[in-house]
Amino acid sequence: MKKIFVTTSWDDGHLLDMRLATLLEKYGLTGTFYISRSFAPDEMMSEAQIKELSRRHEIGGHTMAHPDLTKIAPAAARKEILENKRWLEAVAQKPLEMFCYPFGAYNADVSRLVREAGFAGARTTRTFSRAPLADAYQMHPTVHTYPFPFRKRDATGYLWRHLLQPAARQLQDIIAFGIPVRAWTNFESLAIGAFNRVCETGGAFHLWGHSWEIEKYGMWETLERVCAAVAQQRDRYRAVPTGDLLELISKTPPQALPAGVRD
């Protein structure tokens, strides 16, 4: 039986990333942590914590101030990308391979800037793609760690006006991905269903999210159950940082991007 790859990735550089790293390690999983310098200044990891995290997991670039790179001047976008990369490499004392687009927003110009900055690949926020690894600068994750199928306000309340938004946004992609209807009841069953589907089809299962959202929506126990369920089938996969997925990328030319893709 050919093994799949399992990776996870987590955005922004929040203090709770340290808790998340420990949770992953408990189940033999690894992650790539994309770190912005000032996304939420009072809640970001210190440089000492970033250095410690980089010893345990891969870290990647996520700009300095977390802007939508498609909405600022190219020179400003280049500065955001390069200064973030240089800062993190100085802190971690190692080169960075991976980048993640803030807000999942990118276009051909932004992808080019990321490539020119020296990153080998970039992750989007588009989930349930049937071609997740067709292009090194459009690496799509499998599933978002987020309440499903209902939109929540916090750990206990719902946003009633947008209640079905998570399901409505992803339904066609979930169907095309081949996840059975019985797995659509909540995030836990959806994530495990996606993992099982990748085990059937091959490739990579890629879980992503934000540690601060896990806290906001009260999802720590749920995420731990997902990690435990995956770990029970460790003979079916190899746990890797996201940068290791670059070896699976097609050698064909990158897909053409319209002028203003936003995942």
Protein backbone atom coordinates (compact mmCIF):
# COMPACT_ATOMS: atom_id res chain seq x y z
CA MET A 1 0.00 0.00 0.00
CA LYS A 2 1.44 3.36 -1.06
CA LYS A 3 1.58 5.87 1.76
CA ILE A 4 0.11 9.35 1.49
CA PHE A 5 1.62 12.50 2.97
CA VAL A 6 0.04 14.28 5.93
CA THR A 7 0.89 17.89 6.69
CA THR A 8 -0.64 20.75 8.64
CA SER A 9 -0.15 24.51 8.41
CA TRP A 10 -1.11 27.39 10.68
CA ASP A 11 -1.22 31.08 9.93
CA ASP A 12 -0.32 34.39 11.59
CA GLY A 13 2.13 33.60 14.42
CA HIS A 14 -0.24 33.87 17.37
CA LEU A 15 0.95 33.00 20.88
CA LEU A 16 -1.32 29.95 20.85
CA ASP A 17 0.80 28.41 18.09
CA MET A 18 3.05 27.04 20.84
CA ARG A 19 0.10 25.13 22.31
CA LEU A 20 -0.79 23.92 18.85
CA ALA A 21 2.75 22.69 18.19
CA THR A 22 2.63 20.60 21.36
CA LEU A 23 -0.73 19.11 20.36
CA LEU A 24 0.63 18.07 16.96
CA GLU A 25 3.70 16.51 18.52
CA LYS A 26 1.54 14.47 20.90
CA TYR A 27 0.19 12.61 17.84
CA GLY A 28 3.40 12.45 15.82
CA LEU A 29 2.30 15.17 13.40
CA THR A 30 4.18 18.19 12.18
CA GLY A 31 3.23 21.61 10.92
CA THR A 32 4.39 24.65 9.01
CA PHE A 33 3.74 27.88 10.90
CA TYR A 34 3.38 30.99 8.74
CA ILE A 35 4.38 34.01 10.79
CA SER A 36 3.52 37.67 10.35
CA ARG A 37 5.33 40.19 12.51
CA SER A 38 2.44 42.46 13.50
CA PHE A 39 -0.88 40.81 12.65
CA ALA A 40 -2.05 41.27 16.26
CA PRO A 41 0.89 42.96 18.03
CA ASP A 42 -0.16 42.14 21.61
CA GLU A 43 -0.81 38.48 20.83
CA MET A 44 2.15 37.46 18.68
CA MET A 45 4.92 35.05 19.59
CA SER A 46 8.18 36.57 20.80
CA GLU A 47 11.34 36.08 18.77
CA ALA A 48 12.52 33.56 21.36
CA GLN A 49 9.32 31.56 20.90
CA ILE A 50 9.63 31.74 17.12
CA LYS A 51 13.19 30.41 17.34
CA GLU A 52 12.06 27.58 19.60
CA LEU A 53 9.17 26.75 17.28
CA SER A 54 11.52 26.69 14.28
CA ARG A 55 13.56 23.97 16.00
CA ARG A 56 10.47 21.77 16.28
CA HIS A 57 8.54 22.59 13.10
CA GLU A 58 8.93 24.38 9.78
CA ILE A 59 8.21 28.10 9.74
CA GLY A 60 7.24 30.16 6.70
CA GLY A 61 6.71 33.72 5.55
CA HIS A 62 3.42 35.58 5.91
CA THR A 63 4.45 39.28 5.39
CA MET A 64 5.20 41.88 8.02
CA ALA A 65 1.79 43.50 8.56
CA HIS A 66 -0.55 40.92 6.95
CA PRO A 67 -1.91 43.09 4.09
CA ASP A 68 -3.93 41.89 1.11
CA LEU A 69 -1.02 41.79 -1.35
CA THR A 70 -3.33 42.20 -4.35
CA LYS A 71 -4.52 45.58 -3.05
CA ILE A 72 -1.22 47.35 -2.43
CA ALA A 73 1.43 48.66 -4.82
CA PRO A 74 3.92 46.07 -6.15
CA ALA A 75 6.82 47.84 -4.45
CA ALA A 76 5.00 47.73 -1.10
CA ALA A 77 4.11 44.06 -1.61
CA ARG A 78 7.72 43.22 -2.42
CA LYS A 79 8.86 44.98 0.75
CA GLU A 80 6.29 43.12 2.88
CA ILE A 81 7.43 39.76 1.52
CA LEU A 82 11.18 40.37 1.59
CA GLU A 83 11.40 42.06 4.99
CA ASN A 84 9.35 39.29 6.58
CA LYS A 85 11.58 36.62 5.04
CA ARG A 86 14.79 38.34 6.15
CA TRP A 87 13.47 38.88 9.68
CA LEU A 88 12.35 35.29 10.16
CA GLU A 89 15.54 33.86 8.70
CA ALA A 90 17.56 36.02 11.09
CA VAL A 91 15.47 34.83 14.03
CA ALA A 92 15.47 31.14 13.08
CA GLN A 93 19.02 31.12 11.70
CA LYS A 94 17.88 29.03 8.75
CA PRO A 95 16.47 29.66 5.27
CA LEU A 96 12.71 29.69 4.64
CA GLU A 97 11.18 27.72 1.77
CA MET A 98 7.47 28.35 2.17
CA PHE A 99 5.16 31.37 2.04
CA CYS A 100 1.43 31.77 2.69
CA TYR A 101 -0.68 34.51 1.08
CA PRO A 102 -2.44 36.71 3.70
CA PHE A 103 -6.22 36.31 3.38
CA GLY A 104 -5.54 33.73 0.66
CA ALA A 105 -5.33 36.63 -1.81
CA TYR A 106 -2.92 36.39 -4.72
CA ASN A 107 -2.54 36.91 -8.45
CA ALA A 108 0.17 36.36 -11.04
CA ASP A 109 2.13 39.43 -9.94
CA VAL A 110 2.03 38.45 -6.26
CA SER A 111 3.11 34.88 -7.02
CA ARG A 112 6.00 36.25 -9.06
CA LEU A 113 7.11 38.47 -6.16
CA VAL A 114 7.03 35.49 -3.81
CA ARG A 115 9.14 33.46 -6.23
CA GLU A 116 11.60 36.33 -6.76
CA ALA A 117 11.98 36.69 -2.97
CA GLY A 118 13.46 33.18 -2.92
CA PHE A 119 10.51 31.14 -1.67
CA ALA A 120 10.20 27.69 -3.25
CA GLY A 121 6.43 27.48 -2.78
CA ALA A 122 3.32 29.21 -1.46
CA ARG A 123 0.15 27.96 0.19
CA THR A 124 -3.34 29.26 -0.57
CA THR A 125 -6.57 28.91 1.43
CA ARG A 126 -8.55 27.07 -1.26
CA THR A 127 -9.81 23.78 0.17
CA PHE A 128 -10.97 20.50 -1.40
CA SER A 129 -9.16 21.16 -4.67
CA ARG A 130 -8.84 18.21 -7.04
CA ALA A 131 -5.41 19.52 -8.13
CA PRO A 132 -3.87 20.67 -4.83
CA LEU A 133 -0.26 20.31 -5.94
CA ALA A 134 -0.29 21.33 -9.60
CA ASP A 135 1.76 24.48 -8.99
CA ALA A 136 4.34 25.23 -6.30
CA TYR A 137 2.93 28.74 -5.85
CA GLN A 138 -0.67 27.55 -5.62
CA MET A 139 -0.44 24.78 -3.04
CA HIS A 140 -4.01 24.18 -1.89
CA PRO A 141 -4.77 22.65 1.54
CA THR A 142 -7.42 19.98 2.01
CA VAL A 143 -9.58 21.24 4.85
CA HIS A 144 -9.84 24.34 7.07
CA THR A 145 -10.02 23.93 10.85
CA TYR A 146 -13.23 25.92 11.23
CA PRO A 147 -16.82 25.31 12.38
CA PHE A 148 -18.88 23.30 9.90
CA PRO A 149 -21.59 23.27 8.56
CA PHE A 150 -22.84 26.26 10.61
CA ARG A 151 -21.18 29.68 10.99
CA LYS A 152 -20.43 30.47 14.63
CA ARG A 153 -19.96 33.77 16.43
CA ASP A 154 -17.83 32.25 19.18
CA ALA A 155 -17.57 28.96 21.08
CA THR A 156 -21.26 28.89 22.00
CA GLY A 157 -23.18 31.23 19.68
CA TYR A 158 -24.10 31.25 16.01
CA LEU A 159 -24.24 33.93 13.33
CA TRP A 160 -27.82 33.31 12.33
CA ARG A 161 -27.83 35.61 9.28
CA HIS A 162 -24.93 33.63 7.80
CA LEU A 163 -25.67 30.29 9.41
CA LEU A 164 -25.08 28.07 6.38
CA GLN A 165 -22.17 30.06 4.95
CA PRO A 166 -19.41 27.45 5.62
CA ALA A 167 -21.39 24.68 3.92
CA ALA A 168 -22.67 26.82 1.05
CA ARG A 169 -19.20 28.08 0.15
CA GLN A 170 -17.65 24.62 -0.02
CA LEU A 171 -20.48 22.27 -0.94
CA GLN A 172 -19.67 21.78 -4.63
CA ASP A 173 -15.98 21.22 -3.90
CA ILE A 174 -16.79 18.76 -1.11
CA ILE A 175 -19.04 16.80 -3.45
CA ALA A 176 -16.40 16.80 -6.20
CA PHE A 177 -13.75 15.71 -3.69
CA GLY A 178 -15.80 12.59 -3.02
CA ILE A 179 -16.51 12.94 0.71
CA PRO A 180 -19.65 10.95 1.62
CA VAL A 181 -22.73 12.83 2.79
CA ARG A 182 -22.64 11.12 6.19
CA ALA A 183 -19.39 13.02 6.90
CA TRP A 184 -20.94 16.46 6.39
CA THR A 185 -22.40 16.74 9.89
CA ASN A 186 -19.52 18.60 11.58
CA PHE A 187 -15.89 19.61 11.16
CA GLU A 188 -14.56 16.48 12.87
CA SER A 189 -16.35 14.06 10.58
CA LEU A 190 -15.59 16.22 7.53
CA ALA A 191 -11.86 16.30 8.26
CA ILE A 192 -11.68 12.56 8.95
CA GLY A 193 -13.75 11.91 5.83
CA ALA A 194 -11.31 14.01 3.79
CA PHE A 195 -8.35 12.13 5.28
CA ASN A 196 -9.92 8.78 4.41
CA ARG A 197 -10.65 9.98 0.89
CA VAL A 198 -7.01 11.01 0.35
CA CYS A 199 -5.94 7.60 1.64
CA GLU A 200 -8.04 6.12 -1.17
CA THR A 201 -6.91 8.44 -3.95
CA GLY A 202 -3.30 9.16 -2.93
CA GLY A 203 -1.39 12.40 -2.59
CA ALA A 204 -1.47 14.62 0.48
CA PHE A 205 -3.89 15.41 3.29
CA HIS A 206 -3.30 19.01 4.37
CA LEU A 207 -5.07 20.46 7.40
CA TRP A 208 -4.79 24.22 7.94
CA GLY A 209 -6.12 26.94 10.21
CA HIS A 210 -5.35 29.54 12.86
CA SER A 211 -4.65 28.78 16.51
CA TRP A 212 -6.59 31.90 17.53
CA GLU A 213 -9.67 30.61 15.65
CA ILE A 214 -9.38 27.25 17.41
CA GLU A 215 -9.52 29.16 20.68
CA LYS A 216 -12.31 31.51 19.55
CA TYR A 217 -14.59 28.69 18.44
CA GLY A 218 -13.70 26.26 21.24
CA MET A 219 -12.24 23.65 18.89
CA TRP A 220 -9.21 22.35 20.81
CA GLU A 221 -10.84 19.07 21.84
CA THR A 222 -12.31 18.60 18.37
CA LEU A 223 -8.94 19.13 16.72
CA GLU A 224 -7.32 16.71 19.13
CA ARG A 225 -9.86 14.03 18.19
CA VAL A 226 -9.07 14.60 14.51
CA CYS A 227 -5.34 14.29 15.20
CA ALA A 228 -5.92 11.13 17.23
CA ALA A 229 -8.05 9.59 14.46
CA VAL A 230 -5.36 10.32 11.88
CA ALA A 231 -2.62 8.96 14.15
CA GLN A 232 -4.50 5.68 14.52
CA GLN A 233 -3.74 5.06 10.85
CA ARG A 234 -0.09 6.10 10.92
CA ASP A 235 0.89 3.09 8.81
CA ARG A 236 -0.96 4.75 5.91
CA TYR A 237 0.94 8.05 5.81
CA ARG A 238 4.17 9.93 6.32
CA ALA A 239 3.92 13.12 8.42
CA VAL A 240 5.89 15.96 6.80
CA PRO A 241 6.21 19.75 6.93
CA THR A 242 4.47 21.47 4.04
CA GLY A 243 7.77 22.27 2.33
CA ASP A 244 8.33 18.55 1.79
CA LEU A 245 5.28 18.47 -0.49
CA LEU A 246 7.31 20.38 -3.06
CA GLU A 247 8.71 17.04 -4.19
CA LEU A 248 5.21 16.11 -5.38
CA ILE A 249 4.75 19.22 -7.49
CA SER A 250 4.28 18.61 -11.19
CA LYS A 251 7.21 19.67 -13.37
CA THR A 252 4.80 21.12 -15.92
CA PRO A 253 4.60 24.95 -16.28
CA PRO A 254 2.57 26.73 -13.55
CA GLN A 255 -1.12 27.28 -14.14
CA ALA A 256 -2.03 30.67 -15.57
CA LEU A 257 -3.60 32.97 -12.99
CA PRO A 258 -6.33 35.51 -13.67
CA ALA A 259 -5.60 39.06 -12.54
CA GLY A 260 -6.92 38.89 -9.00
CA VAL A 261 -7.37 35.41 -7.59
CA ARG A 262 -8.67 35.37 -4.03
CA ASP A 263 -9.19 31.99 -2.40
